[in-house]
Protein backbone atom coordinates (compact mmCIF):
# COMPACT_ATOMS: atom_id res chain seq x y z
CA MET A 1 23.64 -2.46 6.25
CA SER A 2 22.38 -5.99 6.85
CA GLU A 3 19.02 -4.65 8.04
CA LYS A 4 18.65 -2.55 4.88
CA TYR A 5 19.46 -5.58 2.76
CA ASN A 6 16.93 -7.74 4.59
CA ASN A 7 14.25 -5.04 4.24
CA ALA A 8 14.96 -4.72 0.52
CA CYS A 9 14.76 -8.50 0.04
CA HIS A 10 11.47 -8.63 1.94
CA GLU A 11 9.95 -5.89 -0.21
CA VAL A 12 11.13 -7.53 -3.43
CA ARG A 13 9.65 -10.89 -2.39
CA SER A 14 6.42 -9.31 -1.21
CA LEU A 15 5.84 -7.19 -4.29
CA GLY A 16 7.40 -9.55 -6.82
CA LEU A 17 5.31 -12.56 -5.86
CA SER A 18 1.98 -10.72 -5.81
CA HIS A 19 -0.41 -11.55 -8.59
CA SER A 20 -2.31 -8.32 -9.18
CA ALA A 21 -1.65 -4.60 -8.96
CA GLY A 22 -4.35 -4.31 -6.30
CA GLU A 23 -2.65 -6.92 -4.17
CA LYS A 24 0.71 -5.19 -4.57
CA LEU A 25 -0.72 -1.80 -3.62
CA ALA A 26 -2.52 -3.23 -0.58
CA LYS A 27 0.68 -4.96 0.59
CA LEU A 28 2.66 -1.76 0.10
CA LEU A 29 0.18 0.32 2.13
CA LEU A 30 0.11 -2.26 4.93
CA GLU A 31 3.91 -2.41 4.94
CA TRP A 32 4.17 1.37 5.15
CA SER A 33 1.64 1.52 7.99
CA SER A 34 3.53 -1.11 10.00
CA LYS A 35 6.88 0.64 9.48
CA ASN A 36 5.33 3.97 10.40
CA ALA A 37 4.34 2.85 13.93
CA GLU A 38 0.74 3.32 12.80
CA GLY A 39 0.10 -0.36 12.14
CA ALA A 40 -1.31 -1.07 15.60
CA LYS A 41 -3.83 1.75 15.41
CA GLN A 42 -7.46 1.17 14.45
CA GLU A 43 -7.23 3.62 11.52
CA PRO A 44 -3.56 4.04 10.59
CA ARG A 45 -2.59 7.36 8.95
CA LEU A 46 0.11 7.61 6.32
CA LYS A 47 1.75 10.66 4.83
CA LEU A 48 2.16 9.80 1.14
CA ALA A 49 5.34 11.49 0.02
CA LEU A 50 5.31 9.71 -3.35
CA THR A 51 3.26 10.48 -6.43
CA HIS A 52 1.00 7.91 -8.07
CA GLU A 53 3.67 7.62 -10.78
CA GLU A 54 6.36 6.76 -8.21
CA ILE A 55 4.09 4.25 -6.45
CA ALA A 56 3.31 2.71 -9.85
CA GLN A 57 7.04 2.28 -10.54
CA MET A 58 7.50 0.60 -7.15
CA ILE A 59 4.79 -1.98 -7.79
CA GLY A 60 5.41 -2.43 -11.52
CA THR A 61 2.26 -0.93 -12.99
CA SER A 62 1.06 2.29 -14.61
CA ARG A 63 0.15 5.57 -12.95
CA GLU A 64 -3.39 5.22 -14.32
CA THR A 65 -3.77 1.83 -12.63
CA VAL A 66 -2.62 3.22 -9.27
CA THR A 67 -5.06 6.13 -9.61
CA ARG A 68 -7.90 3.70 -10.40
CA LEU A 69 -6.95 1.45 -7.48
CA PHE A 70 -6.94 4.37 -5.03
CA ALA A 71 -10.32 5.53 -6.41
CA ASP A 72 -11.73 2.03 -5.91
CA LEU A 73 -10.36 1.82 -2.35
CA ARG A 74 -11.96 5.19 -1.55
CA LYS A 75 -15.28 4.16 -3.15
CA ARG A 76 -15.32 0.97 -1.06
CA GLN A 77 -14.44 3.10 2.00
CA ILE A 78 -11.31 1.11 2.70
CA VAL A 79 -9.15 4.23 2.62
CA HIS A 80 -9.79 7.95 2.89
CA THR A 81 -7.49 10.62 1.53
CA LYS A 82 -7.16 14.27 2.35
CA GLY A 83 -4.28 15.96 0.60
CA SER A 84 -1.24 13.75 1.01
CA THR A 85 -2.62 12.01 4.12
CA LEU A 86 -4.11 8.56 3.65
CA VAL A 87 -6.21 6.97 6.39
CA ILE A 88 -6.73 3.21 6.29
CA ARG A 89 -10.35 3.00 7.42
CA ASN A 90 -10.85 -0.74 6.99
CA LYS A 91 -7.58 -2.54 7.66
CA ALA A 92 -9.21 -5.97 7.54
CA ALA A 93 -10.50 -5.35 4.02
CA LEU A 94 -7.07 -4.13 2.93
CA LYS A 95 -5.49 -7.28 4.37
CA GLN A 96 -8.06 -9.34 2.49
CA ILE A 97 -7.06 -7.66 -0.78
CA ALA A 98 -3.38 -8.18 0.01
CA SER A 99 -3.82 -11.91 0.58
CA ASN A 100 -6.53 -12.98 -1.86
CA ASN A 101 -6.20 -11.16 -5.19
């Protein structure tokens, strides 16, 4: 129970103190990849079980914003999606977004 509490506190701090929706989304994707044992890989793969609406609720923004952010990440070739699988193609760029925006 203590571990779940600590994880919840970490996520609240991480997402709550972010300045922009892009930063929050980048942090969330990086967090998911590290928890998924994919974080050490060159191009981590994530199975997105949540809709854009649910992701938007998690980071405190609208579904339209999440859709635009994913489109921008794909256009910049930072991520690639195929169905519900998301591949982080440029982890360094995603980290940059997570720390600078």
